[in-house]
PDB file of N, CA and C in Angstrom:
ATOM      1  N   MET A   1     -13.647  12.755  14.746  1.00  0.00           N
ATOM      2  CA  MET A   1     -13.193  11.434  15.120  1.00  0.00           C
ATOM      3  C   MET A   1     -12.252  10.891  14.050  1.00  0.00           C
ATOM      4  N   GLY A   2     -11.615   9.767  14.349  1.00  0.00           N
ATOM      5  CA  GLY A   2     -10.674   9.173  13.404  1.00  0.00           C
ATOM      6  C   GLY A   2     -11.390   8.539  12.226  1.00  0.00           C
ATOM      7  N   CYS A   3     -10.656   8.362  11.168  1.00  0.00           N
ATOM      8  CA  CYS A   3     -11.215   7.747   9.971  1.00  0.00           C
ATOM      9  C   CYS A   3     -11.275   6.239  10.156  1.00  0.00           C
ATOM     10  N   ALA A   4     -12.353   5.661   9.686  1.00  0.00           N
ATOM     11  CA  ALA A   4     -12.464   4.204   9.712  1.00  0.00           C
ATOM     12  C   ALA A   4     -11.697   3.649   8.525  1.00  0.00           C
ATOM     13  N   GLY A   5     -11.183   2.478   8.666  1.00  0.00           N
ATOM     14  CA  GLY A   5     -10.450   1.867   7.560  1.00  0.00           C
ATOM     15  C   GLY A   5      -9.077   1.445   8.009  1.00  0.00           C
ATOM     16  N   SER A   6      -8.365   0.823   7.125  1.00  0.00           N
ATOM     17  CA  SER A   6      -7.058   0.315   7.509  1.00  0.00           C
ATOM     18  C   SER A   6      -6.008   1.404   7.376  1.00  0.00           C
ATOM     19  N   THR A   7      -5.114   1.440   8.304  1.00  0.00           N
ATOM     20  CA  THR A   7      -3.986   2.358   8.231  1.00  0.00           C
ATOM     21  C   THR A   7      -2.731   1.528   8.069  1.00  0.00           C
ATOM     22  N   PRO A   8      -1.745   2.065   7.349  1.00  0.00           N
ATOM     23  CA  PRO A   8      -0.516   1.286   7.148  1.00  0.00           C
ATOM     24  C   PRO A   8       0.149   0.974   8.485  1.00  0.00           C
ATOM     25  N   LYS A   9       0.763  -0.179   8.563  1.00  0.00           N
ATOM     26  CA  LYS A   9       1.472  -0.562   9.777  1.00  0.00           C
ATOM     27  C   LYS A   9       2.735   0.281   9.906  1.00  0.00           C
ATOM     28  N   VAL A  10       3.057   0.617  11.123  1.00  0.00           N
ATOM     29  CA  VAL A  10       4.231   1.455  11.373  1.00  0.00           C
ATOM     30  C   VAL A  10       5.506   0.792  10.880  1.00  0.00           C
ATOM     31  N   ASP A  11       5.592  -0.518  11.035  1.00  0.00           N
ATOM     32  CA  ASP A  11       6.826  -1.196  10.633  1.00  0.00           C
ATOM     33  C   ASP A  11       7.062  -1.155   9.123  1.00  0.00           C
ATOM     34  N   GLU A  12       6.009  -0.948   8.334  1.00  0.00           N
ATOM     35  CA  GLU A  12       6.193  -0.833   6.889  1.00  0.00           C
ATOM     36  C   GLU A  12       6.974   0.423   6.544  1.00  0.00           C
ATOM     37  N   SER A  13       6.686   1.516   7.249  1.00  0.00           N
ATOM     38  CA  SER A  13       7.338   2.775   6.925  1.00  0.00           C
ATOM     39  C   SER A  13       8.745   2.851   7.500  1.00  0.00           C
ATOM     40  N   SER A  14       9.102   1.914   8.342  1.00  0.00           N
ATOM     41  CA  SER A  14      10.411   1.984   8.968  1.00  0.00           C
ATOM     42  C   SER A  14      11.465   1.146   8.241  1.00  0.00           C
ATOM     43  N   LYS A  15      11.178   0.751   7.004  1.00  0.00           N
ATOM     44  CA  LYS A  15      12.180   0.027   6.230  1.00  0.00           C
ATOM     45  C   LYS A  15      13.396   0.924   6.061  1.00  0.00           C
ATOM     46  N   LYS A  16      14.555   0.366   6.281  1.00  0.00           N
ATOM     47  CA  LYS A  16      15.782   1.142   6.147  1.00  0.00           C
ATOM     48  C   LYS A  16      16.089   1.367   4.671  1.00  0.00           C
ATOM     49  N   LEU A  17      16.372   2.606   4.349  1.00  0.00           N
ATOM     50  CA  LEU A  17      16.698   2.934   2.963  1.00  0.00           C
ATOM     51  C   LEU A  17      18.059   2.373   2.602  1.00  0.00           C
ATOM     52  N   ARG A  18      18.200   2.062   1.332  1.00  0.00           N
ATOM     53  CA  ARG A  18      19.487   1.617   0.817  1.00  0.00           C
ATOM     54  C   ARG A  18      19.677   2.206  -0.569  1.00  0.00           C
ATOM     55  N   LYS A  19      20.913   2.250  -0.980  1.00  0.00           N
ATOM     56  CA  LYS A  19      21.216   2.754  -2.319  1.00  0.00           C
ATOM     57  C   LYS A  19      20.631   1.790  -3.351  1.00  0.00           C
ATOM     58  N   PRO A  20      20.159   2.336  -4.481  1.00  0.00           N
ATOM     59  CA  PRO A  20      19.639   1.449  -5.536  1.00  0.00           C
ATOM     60  C   PRO A  20      20.743   0.551  -6.095  1.00  0.00           C
ATOM     61  N   LYS A  21      20.324  -0.570  -6.648  1.00  0.00           N
ATOM     62  CA  LYS A  21      21.275  -1.464  -7.305  1.00  0.00           C
ATOM     63  C   LYS A  21      21.832  -0.765  -8.541  1.00  0.00           C
ATOM     64  N   PRO A  22      23.068  -1.112  -8.932  1.00  0.00           N
ATOM     65  CA  PRO A  22      23.624  -0.536 -10.155  1.00  0.00           C
ATOM     66  C   PRO A  22      22.719  -0.824 -11.350  1.00  0.00           C
ATOM     67  N   TRP A  23      22.624   0.135 -12.243  1.00  0.00           N
ATOM     68  CA  TRP A  23      21.779  -0.024 -13.418  1.00  0.00           C
ATOM     69  C   TRP A  23      22.477   0.621 -14.610  1.00  0.00           C
ATOM     70  N   LYS A  24      22.039   0.225 -15.795  1.00  0.00           N
ATOM     71  CA  LYS A  24      22.651   0.708 -17.025  1.00  0.00           C
ATOM     72  C   LYS A  24      21.570   1.353 -17.879  1.00  0.00           C
ATOM     73  N   HIS A  25      21.861   2.553 -18.390  1.00  0.00           N
ATOM     74  CA  HIS A  25      20.919   3.213 -19.299  1.00  0.00           C
ATOM     75  C   HIS A  25      20.980   2.488 -20.643  1.00  0.00           C
ATOM     76  N   THR A  26      19.953   2.665 -21.470  1.00  0.00           N
ATOM     77  CA  THR A  26      19.907   1.973 -22.762  1.00  0.00           C
ATOM     78  C   THR A  26      21.095   2.330 -23.639  1.00  0.00           C
ATOM     79  N   GLN A  27      21.627   3.533 -23.468  1.00  0.00           N
ATOM     80  CA  GLN A  27      22.845   3.933 -24.167  1.00  0.00           C
ATOM     81  C   GLN A  27      23.630   4.859 -23.249  1.00  0.00           C
ATOM     82  N   PRO A  28      24.963   4.940 -23.425  1.00  0.00           N
ATOM     83  CA  PRO A  28      25.743   5.826 -22.566  1.00  0.00           C
ATOM     84  C   PRO A  28      25.220   7.263 -22.657  1.00  0.00           C
ATOM     85  N   ILE A  29      25.131   7.932 -21.520  1.00  0.00           N
ATOM     86  CA  ILE A  29      24.634   9.305 -21.510  1.00  0.00           C
ATOM     87  C   ILE A  29      25.592  10.210 -20.747  1.00  0.00           C
ATOM     88  N   MET A  30      25.508  11.495 -21.067  1.00  0.00           N
ATOM     89  CA  MET A  30      26.331  12.517 -20.429  1.00  0.00           C
ATOM     90  C   MET A  30      25.628  12.979 -19.146  1.00  0.00           C
ATOM     91  N   PRO A  31      26.391  13.515 -18.193  1.00  0.00           N
ATOM     92  CA  PRO A  31      25.775  14.045 -16.971  1.00  0.00           C
ATOM     93  C   PRO A  31      24.677  15.083 -17.245  1.00  0.00           C
ATOM     94  N   ALA A  32      24.861  15.910 -18.262  1.00  0.00           N
ATOM     95  CA  ALA A  32      23.848  16.926 -18.586  1.00  0.00           C
ATOM     96  C   ALA A  32      22.537  16.282 -19.030  1.00  0.00           C
ATOM     97  N   GLN A  33      22.636  15.164 -19.762  1.00  0.00           N
ATOM     98  CA  GLN A  33      21.435  14.450 -20.198  1.00  0.00           C
ATOM     99  C   GLN A  33      20.718  13.838 -18.994  1.00  0.00           C
ATOM    100  N   LEU A  34      21.490  13.282 -18.071  1.00  0.00           N
ATOM    101  CA  LEU A  34      20.914  12.701 -16.866  1.00  0.00           C
ATOM    102  C   LEU A  34      20.202  13.781 -16.055  1.00  0.00           C
ATOM    103  N   LYS A  35      20.840  14.941 -15.927  1.00  0.00           N
ATOM    104  CA  LYS A  35      20.227  16.046 -15.189  1.00  0.00           C
ATOM    105  C   LYS A  35      18.919  16.481 -15.844  1.00  0.00           C
ATOM    106  N   GLN A  36      18.899  16.546 -17.173  1.00  0.00           N
ATOM    107  CA  GLN A  36      17.681  16.932 -17.891  1.00  0.00           C
ATOM    108  C   GLN A  36      16.562  15.915 -17.653  1.00  0.00           C
ATOM    109  N   MET A  37      16.899  14.629 -17.700  1.00  0.00           N
ATOM    110  CA  MET A  37      15.901  13.580 -17.448  1.00  0.00           C
ATOM    111  C   MET A  37      15.329  13.729 -16.042  1.00  0.00           C
ATOM    112  N   ARG A  38      16.205  13.973 -15.074  1.00  0.00           N
ATOM    113  CA  ARG A  38      15.760  14.129 -13.690  1.00  0.00           C
ATOM    114  C   ARG A  38      14.870  15.353 -13.536  1.00  0.00           C
ATOM    115  N   ASP A  39      15.291  16.471 -14.117  1.00  0.00           N
ATOM    116  CA  ASP A  39      14.500  17.704 -14.022  1.00  0.00           C
ATOM    117  C   ASP A  39      13.113  17.515 -14.630  1.00  0.00           C
ATOM    118  N   GLU A  40      13.061  16.854 -15.787  1.00  0.00           N
ATOM    119  CA  GLU A  40      11.770  16.608 -16.442  1.00  0.00           C
ATOM    120  C   GLU A  40      10.880  15.723 -15.580  1.00  0.00           C
ATOM    121  N   PHE A  41      11.467  14.697 -14.969  1.00  0.00           N
ATOM    122  CA  PHE A  41      10.673  13.817 -14.109  1.00  0.00           C
ATOM    123  C   PHE A  41      10.085  14.604 -12.947  1.00  0.00           C
ATOM    124  N   TRP A  42      10.923  15.332 -12.227  1.00  0.00           N
ATOM    125  CA  TRP A  42      10.442  16.047 -11.039  1.00  0.00           C
ATOM    126  C   TRP A  42       9.459  17.154 -11.390  1.00  0.00           C
ATOM    127  N   ASP A  43       9.620  17.753 -12.585  1.00  0.00           N
ATOM    128  CA  ASP A  43       8.679  18.801 -13.013  1.00  0.00           C
ATOM    129  C   ASP A  43       7.306  18.230 -13.340  1.00  0.00           C
ATOM    130  N   THR A  44       7.265  17.001 -13.854  1.00  0.00           N
ATOM    131  CA  THR A  44       5.990  16.433 -14.301  1.00  0.00           C
ATOM    132  C   THR A  44       5.363  15.456 -13.316  1.00  0.00           C
ATOM    133  N   ALA A  45       6.150  14.859 -12.436  1.00  0.00           N
ATOM    134  CA  ALA A  45       5.647  13.821 -11.534  1.00  0.00           C
ATOM    135  C   ALA A  45       4.396  14.227 -10.750  1.00  0.00           C
ATOM    136  N   PRO A  46       4.339  15.428 -10.150  1.00  0.00           N
ATOM    137  CA  PRO A  46       3.149  15.777  -9.365  1.00  0.00           C
ATOM    138  C   PRO A  46       1.859  15.814 -10.179  1.00  0.00           C
ATOM    139  N   HIS A  47       1.965  15.958 -11.493  1.00  0.00           N
ATOM    140  CA  HIS A  47       0.774  16.007 -12.344  1.00  0.00           C
ATOM    141  C   HIS A  47       0.132  14.633 -12.537  1.00  0.00           C
ATOM    142  N   TYR A  48       0.831  13.574 -12.140  1.00  0.00           N
ATOM    143  CA  TYR A  48       0.305  12.218 -12.291  1.00  0.00           C
ATOM    144  C   TYR A  48      -0.386  11.714 -11.033  1.00  0.00           C
ATOM    145  N   GLY A  49      -0.536  12.587 -10.050  1.00  0.00           N
ATOM    146  CA  GLY A  49      -1.244  12.199  -8.835  1.00  0.00           C
ATOM    147  C   GLY A  49      -0.354  12.278  -7.619  1.00  0.00           C
ATOM    148  N   GLY A  50      -1.000  12.125  -6.472  1.00  0.00           N
ATOM    149  CA  GLY A  50      -0.265  12.228  -5.225  1.00  0.00           C
ATOM    150  C   GLY A  50      -0.179  13.674  -4.759  1.00  0.00           C
ATOM    151  N   GLN A  51       0.417  13.854  -3.612  1.00  0.00           N
ATOM    152  CA  GLN A  51       0.524  15.178  -3.017  1.00  0.00           C
ATOM    153  C   GLN A  51       1.865  15.818  -3.353  1.00  0.00           C
ATOM    154  N   LYS A  52       1.822  17.109  -3.653  1.00  0.00           N
ATOM    155  CA  LYS A  52       3.045  17.834  -3.988  1.00  0.00           C
ATOM    156  C   LYS A  52       4.057  17.751  -2.843  1.00  0.00           C
ATOM    157  N   GLU A  53       3.582  17.818  -1.608  1.00  0.00           N
ATOM    158  CA  GLU A  53       4.487  17.775  -0.464  1.00  0.00           C
ATOM    159  C   GLU A  53       5.248  16.449  -0.403  1.00  0.00           C
ATOM    160  N   ILE A  54       4.567  15.374  -0.772  1.00  0.00           N
ATOM    161  CA  ILE A  54       5.223  14.062  -0.770  1.00  0.00           C
ATOM    162  C   ILE A  54       6.255  13.998  -1.887  1.00  0.00           C
ATOM    163  N   TRP A  55       5.893  14.495  -3.067  1.00  0.00           N
ATOM    164  CA  TRP A  55       6.846  14.539  -4.179  1.00  0.00           C
ATOM    165  C   TRP A  55       8.077  15.353  -3.791  1.00  0.00           C
ATOM    166  N   ASP A  56       7.852  16.502  -3.131  1.00  0.00           N
ATOM    167  CA  ASP A  56       8.977  17.343  -2.708  1.00  0.00           C
ATOM    168  C   ASP A  56       9.878  16.603  -1.721  1.00  0.00           C
ATOM    169  N   ALA A  57       9.263  15.890  -0.779  1.00  0.00           N
ATOM    170  CA  ALA A  57      10.044  15.129   0.196  1.00  0.00           C
ATOM    171  C   ALA A  57      10.810  13.997  -0.490  1.00  0.00           C
ATOM    172  N   LEU A  58      10.170  13.320  -1.437  1.00  0.00           N
ATOM    173  CA  LEU A  58      10.849  12.248  -2.168  1.00  0.00           C
ATOM    174  C   LEU A  58      12.024  12.794  -2.969  1.00  0.00           C
ATOM    175  N   ARG A  59      11.831  13.969  -3.571  1.00  0.00           N
ATOM    176  CA  ARG A  59      12.932  14.581  -4.328  1.00  0.00           C
ATOM    177  C   ARG A  59      14.098  14.900  -3.398  1.00  0.00           C
ATOM    178  N   ALA A  60      13.788  15.476  -2.238  1.00  0.00           N
ATOM    179  CA  ALA A  60      14.845  15.802  -1.281  1.00  0.00           C
ATOM    180  C   ALA A  60      15.569  14.539  -0.826  1.00  0.00           C
ATOM    181  N   ALA A  61      14.813  13.480  -0.541  1.00  0.00           N
ATOM    182  CA  ALA A  61      15.418  12.222  -0.094  1.00  0.00           C
ATOM    183  C   ALA A  61      16.239  11.571  -1.209  1.00  0.00           C
ATOM    184  N   ALA A  62      15.729  11.637  -2.438  1.00  0.00           N
ATOM    185  CA  ALA A  62      16.409  11.002  -3.576  1.00  0.00           C
ATOM    186  C   ALA A  62      17.733  11.691  -3.895  1.00  0.00           C
ATOM    187  N   THR A  63      17.804  12.987  -3.666  1.00  0.00           N
ATOM    188  CA  THR A  63      19.025  13.723  -3.996  1.00  0.00           C
ATOM    189  C   THR A  63      19.987  13.799  -2.814  1.00  0.00           C
ATOM    190  N   GLU A  64      19.565  13.275  -1.669  1.00  0.00           N
ATOM    191  CA  GLU A  64      20.391  13.308  -0.464  1.00  0.00           C
ATOM    192  C   GLU A  64      21.376  12.146  -0.467  1.00  0.00           C
ATOM    193  N   ALA A  65      22.667  12.464  -0.416  1.00  0.00           N
ATOM    194  CA  ALA A  65      23.693  11.414  -0.433  1.00  0.00           C
ATOM    195  C   ALA A  65      23.746  10.659   0.895  1.00  0.00           C
ATOM    196  N   ASP A  66      23.413  11.320   1.985  1.00  0.00           N
ATOM    197  CA  ASP A  66      23.449  10.709   3.308  1.00  0.00           C
ATOM    198  C   ASP A  66      22.154   9.923   3.539  1.00  0.00           C
ATOM    199  N   LEU A  67      22.266   8.601   3.596  1.00  0.00           N
ATOM    200  CA  LEU A  67      21.072   7.756   3.748  1.00  0.00           C
ATOM    201  C   LEU A  67      20.339   8.015   5.065  1.00  0.00           C
ATOM    202  N   THR A  68      21.073   8.372   6.112  1.00  0.00           N
ATOM    203  CA  THR A  68      20.435   8.653   7.401  1.00  0.00           C
ATOM    204  C   THR A  68      19.539   9.873   7.293  1.00  0.00           C
ATOM    205  N   LEU A  69      20.034  10.909   6.619  1.00  0.00           N
ATOM    206  CA  LEU A  69      19.230  12.113   6.432  1.00  0.00           C
ATOM    207  C   LEU A  69      18.053  11.831   5.496  1.00  0.00           C
ATOM    208  N   ALA A  70      18.290  11.056   4.445  1.00  0.00           N
ATOM    209  CA  ALA A  70      17.208  10.680   3.528  1.00  0.00           C
ATOM    210  C   ALA A  70      16.122   9.923   4.291  1.00  0.00           C
ATOM    211  N   GLN A  71      16.542   9.033   5.191  1.00  0.00           N
ATOM    212  CA  GLN A  71      15.593   8.268   6.015  1.00  0.00           C
ATOM    213  C   GLN A  71      14.764   9.216   6.888  1.00  0.00           C
ATOM    214  N   THR A  72      15.415  10.218   7.461  1.00  0.00           N
ATOM    215  CA  THR A  72      14.719  11.197   8.304  1.00  0.00           C
ATOM    216  C   THR A  72      13.688  11.980   7.493  1.00  0.00           C
ATOM    217  N   ILE A  73      14.049  12.368   6.278  1.00  0.00           N
ATOM    218  CA  ILE A  73      13.130  13.109   5.399  1.00  0.00           C
ATOM    219  C   ILE A  73      11.895  12.264   5.112  1.00  0.00           C
ATOM    220  N   VAL A  74      12.110  11.014   4.727  1.00  0.00           N
ATOM    221  CA  VAL A  74      11.015  10.090   4.399  1.00  0.00           C
ATOM    222  C   VAL A  74      10.120   9.854   5.619  1.00  0.00           C
ATOM    223  N   ASP A  75      10.741   9.591   6.759  1.00  0.00           N
ATOM    224  CA  ASP A  75       9.983   9.310   7.980  1.00  0.00           C
ATOM    225  C   ASP A  75       9.161  10.519   8.416  1.00  0.00           C
ATOM    226  N   SER A  76       9.758  11.706   8.370  1.00  0.00           N
ATOM    227  CA  SER A  76       9.043  12.896   8.842  1.00  0.00           C
ATOM    228  C   SER A  76       7.901  13.287   7.919  1.00  0.00           C
ATOM    229  N   ALA A  77       7.974  12.866   6.654  1.00  0.00           N
ATOM    230  CA  ALA A  77       6.890  13.162   5.712  1.00  0.00           C
ATOM    231  C   ALA A  77       5.786  12.109   5.771  1.00  0.00           C
ATOM    232  N   GLY A  78       5.993  11.055   6.563  1.00  0.00           N
ATOM    233  CA  GLY A  78       4.986  10.003   6.666  1.00  0.00           C
ATOM    234  C   GLY A  78       4.921   9.120   5.440  1.00  0.00           C
ATOM    235  N   ILE A  79       6.027   8.998   4.738  1.00  0.00           N
ATOM    236  CA  ILE A  79       6.081   8.193   3.514  1.00  0.00           C
ATOM    237  C   ILE A  79       6.288   6.727   3.885  1.00  0.00           C
ATOM    238  N   ILE A  80       5.475   5.869   3.298  1.00  0.00           N
ATOM    239  CA  ILE A  80       5.593   4.429   3.524  1.00  0.00           C
ATOM    240  C   ILE A  80       6.465   3.871   2.398  1.00  0.00           C
ATOM    241  N   VAL A  81       7.613   3.352   2.780  1.00  0.00           N
ATOM    242  CA  VAL A  81       8.588   2.842   1.816  1.00  0.00           C
ATOM    243  C   VAL A  81       8.267   1.385   1.519  1.00  0.00           C
ATOM    244  N   SER A  82       7.898   1.102   0.276  1.00  0.00           N
ATOM    245  CA  SER A  82       7.608  -0.274  -0.121  1.00  0.00           C
ATOM    246  C   SER A  82       8.885  -0.979  -0.563  1.00  0.00           C
ATOM    247  N   ASN A  83       9.693  -0.287  -1.361  1.00  0.00           N
ATOM    248  CA  ASN A  83      11.000  -0.807  -1.775  1.00  0.00           C
ATOM    249  C   ASN A  83      12.062   0.052  -1.104  1.00  0.00           C
ATOM    250  N   PRO A  84      13.014  -0.542  -0.398  1.00  0.00           N
ATOM    251  CA  PRO A  84      13.985   0.254   0.357  1.00  0.00           C
ATOM    252  C   PRO A  84      14.890   1.146  -0.496  1.00  0.00           C
ATOM    253  N   ASP A  85      14.872   0.965  -1.825  1.00  0.00           N
ATOM    254  CA  ASP A  85      15.661   1.858  -2.680  1.00  0.00           C
ATOM    255  C   ASP A  85      14.835   3.061  -3.149  1.00  0.00           C
ATOM    256  N   LEU A  86      13.621   3.219  -2.605  1.00  0.00           N
ATOM    257  CA  LEU A  86      12.697   4.340  -2.892  1.00  0.00           C
ATOM    258  C   LEU A  86      12.019   4.251  -4.254  1.00  0.00           C
ATOM    259  N   THR A  87      12.155   3.134  -4.969  1.00  0.00           N
ATOM    260  CA  THR A  87      11.504   3.052  -6.276  1.00  0.00           C
ATOM    261  C   THR A  87       9.990   2.981  -6.167  1.00  0.00           C
ATOM    262  N   VAL A  88       9.462   2.459  -5.058  1.00  0.00           N
ATOM    263  CA  VAL A  88       8.015   2.414  -4.839  1.00  0.00           C
ATOM    264  C   VAL A  88       7.728   2.844  -3.398  1.00  0.00           C
ATOM    265  N   CYS A  89       6.905   3.895  -3.268  1.00  0.00           N
ATOM    266  CA  CYS A  89       6.522   4.406  -1.952  1.00  0.00           C
ATOM    267  C   CYS A  89       5.037   4.750  -1.980  1.00  0.00           C
ATOM    268  N   TYR A  90       4.474   4.931  -0.803  1.00  0.00           N
ATOM    269  CA  TYR A  90       3.077   5.326  -0.660  1.00  0.00           C
ATOM    270  C   TYR A  90       2.980   6.442   0.366  1.00  0.00           C
ATOM    271  N   ASP A  91       1.943   7.276   0.234  1.00  0.00           N
ATOM    272  CA  ASP A  91       1.691   8.241   1.293  1.00  0.00           C
ATOM    273  C   ASP A  91       0.673   7.650   2.254  1.00  0.00           C
ATOM    274  N   GLU A  92       0.340   8.414   3.281  1.00  0.00           N
ATOM    275  CA  GLU A  92      -0.566   7.889   4.315  1.00  0.00           C
ATOM    276  C   GLU A  92      -1.986   7.681   3.798  1.00  0.00           C
ATOM    277  N   ARG A  93      -2.310   8.276   2.663  1.00  0.00           N
ATOM    278  CA  ARG A  93      -3.633   8.096   2.058  1.00  0.00           C
ATOM    279  C   ARG A  93      -3.673   6.915   1.102  1.00  0.00           C
ATOM    280  N   GLY A  94      -2.515   6.288   0.883  1.00  0.00           N
ATOM    281  CA  GLY A  94      -2.463   5.121   0.003  1.00  0.00           C
ATOM    282  C   GLY A  94      -2.080   5.424  -1.434  1.00  0.00           C
ATOM    283  N   ALA A  95      -1.774   6.689  -1.743  1.00  0.00           N
ATOM    284  CA  ALA A  95      -1.357   7.030  -3.108  1.00  0.00           C
ATOM    285  C   ALA A  95       0.043   6.466  -3.356  1.00  0.00           C
ATOM    286  N   LYS A  96       0.243   5.934  -4.564  1.00  0.00           N
ATOM    287  CA  LYS A  96       1.509   5.296  -4.925  1.00  0.00           C
ATOM    288  C   LYS A  96       2.429   6.297  -5.625  1.00  0.00           C
ATOM    289  N   TYR A  97       3.692   6.228  -5.282  1.00  0.00           N
ATOM    290  CA  TYR A  97       4.727   7.077  -5.885  1.00  0.00           C
ATOM    291  C   TYR A  97       5.824   6.159  -6.407  1.00  0.00           C
ATOM    292  N   GLU A  98       6.050   6.224  -7.707  1.00  0.00           N
ATOM    293  CA  GLU A  98       7.094   5.385  -8.312  1.00  0.00           C
ATOM    294  C   GLU A  98       8.219   6.273  -8.816  1.00  0.00           C
ATOM    295  N   LEU A  99       9.432   5.937  -8.410  1.00  0.00           N
ATOM    296  CA  LEU A  99      10.597   6.708  -8.826  1.00  0.00           C
ATOM    297  C   LEU A  99      11.471   5.857  -9.744  1.00  0.00           C
ATOM    298  N   PRO A 100      11.833   6.396 -10.904  1.00  0.00           N
ATOM    299  CA  PRO A 100      12.721   5.649 -11.802  1.00  0.00           C
ATOM    300  C   PRO A 100      14.160   5.663 -11.272  1.00  0.00           C
ATOM    301  N   ASN A 101      14.927   4.669 -11.658  1.00  0.00           N
ATOM    302  CA  ASN A 101      16.324   4.573 -11.210  1.00  0.00           C
ATOM    303  C   ASN A 101      17.113   5.845 -11.486  1.00  0.00           C
ATOM    304  N   TYR A 102      16.856   6.497 -12.619  1.00  0.00           N
ATOM    305  CA  TYR A 102      17.692   7.625 -12.991  1.00  0.00           C
ATOM    306  C   TYR A 102      17.561   8.840 -12.074  1.00  0.00           C
ATOM    307  N   VAL A 103      16.521   8.903 -11.258  1.00  0.00           N
ATOM    308  CA  VAL A 103      16.461  10.008 -10.290  1.00  0.00           C
ATOM    309  C   VAL A 103      17.112   9.614  -8.968  1.00  0.00           C
ATOM    310  N   LEU A 104      17.407   8.338  -8.795  1.00  0.00           N
ATOM    311  CA  LEU A 104      17.955   7.837  -7.542  1.00  0.00           C
ATOM    312  C   LEU A 104      19.464   7.617  -7.568  1.00  0.00           C
ATOM    313  N   SER A 105      19.999   7.324  -8.729  1.00  0.00           N
ATOM    314  CA  SER A 105      21.442   7.078  -8.829  1.00  0.00           C
ATOM    315  C   SER A 105      21.893   7.261 -10.277  1.00  0.00           C
ATOM    316  N   GLU A 106      23.204   7.254 -10.449  1.00  0.00           N
ATOM    317  CA  GLU A 106      23.759   7.395 -11.789  1.00  0.00           C
ATOM    318  C   GLU A 106      23.874   6.022 -12.447  1.00  0.00           C
ATOM    319  N   PRO A 107      23.710   5.975 -13.771  1.00  0.00           N
ATOM    320  CA  PRO A 107      23.883   4.684 -14.455  1.00  0.00           C
ATOM    321  C   PRO A 107      25.361   4.284 -14.486  1.00  0.00           C
ATOM    322  N   THR A 108      25.621   3.011 -14.666  1.00  0.00           N
ATOM    323  CA  THR A 108      26.995   2.531 -14.733  1.00  0.00           C
ATOM    324  C   THR A 108      27.680   2.985 -16.021  1.00  0.00           C
ATOM    325  N   ASN A 109      26.883   3.385 -17.021  1.00  0.00           N
ATOM    326  CA  ASN A 109      27.464   3.814 -18.294  1.00  0.00           C
ATOM    327  C   ASN A 109      27.354   5.336 -18.480  1.00  0.00           C
ATOM    328  N   LEU A 110      27.425   6.077 -17.372  1.00  0.00           N
ATOM    329  CA  LEU A 110      27.460   7.534 -17.458  1.00  0.00           C
ATOM    330  C   LEU A 110      28.809   7.959 -18.024  1.00  0.00           C
ATOM    331  N   ILE A 111      28.800   8.849 -19.000  1.00  0.00           N
ATOM    332  CA  ILE A 111      30.037   9.303 -19.626  1.00  0.00           C
ATOM    333  C   ILE A 111      30.608  10.435 -18.776  1.00  0.00           C
ATOM    334  N   ARG A 112      31.761  10.178 -18.212  1.00  0.00           N
ATOM    335  CA  ARG A 112      32.453  11.186 -17.390  1.00  0.00           C
ATOM    336  C   ARG A 112      33.269  12.106 -18.296  1.00  0.00           C
ATOM    337  N   ASP A 113      33.294  13.369 -17.942  1.00  0.00           N
ATOM    338  CA  ASP A 113      34.122  14.312 -18.713  1.00  0.00           C
ATOM    339  C   ASP A 113      35.587  13.982 -18.517  1.00  0.00           C
ATOM    340  N   GLY A 114      36.343  14.094 -19.602  1.00  0.00           N
ATOM    341  CA  GLY A 114      37.782  13.872 -19.510  1.00  0.00           C
ATOM    342  C   GLY A 114      38.090  12.465 -19.783  1.00  0.00           C
TER     343      GLY A 114
END
């Protein structure tokens, strides 16, 4: 039989995704440094709780430039989007997933080559 208890409302998970607001790193960084920060986050994030499948879906959505496709990834994984920029999400079991800005977009003070 079904589980007793509250289930998230469907309309909560249907929040439309949007690009994160512009943000600035504490100091200008190179693209390689940003990539290293992102890799370290994604490598360690599943160890702090939550389901690996949800983390994988969030990573795919976060790296997807097409918001429509990112929305499809989030929806098909059953991820409940609390903040439309993906900084705070929940899975269907209520586990919280927090994503830092640096995995979602580039800082305004990223040092471009050349």
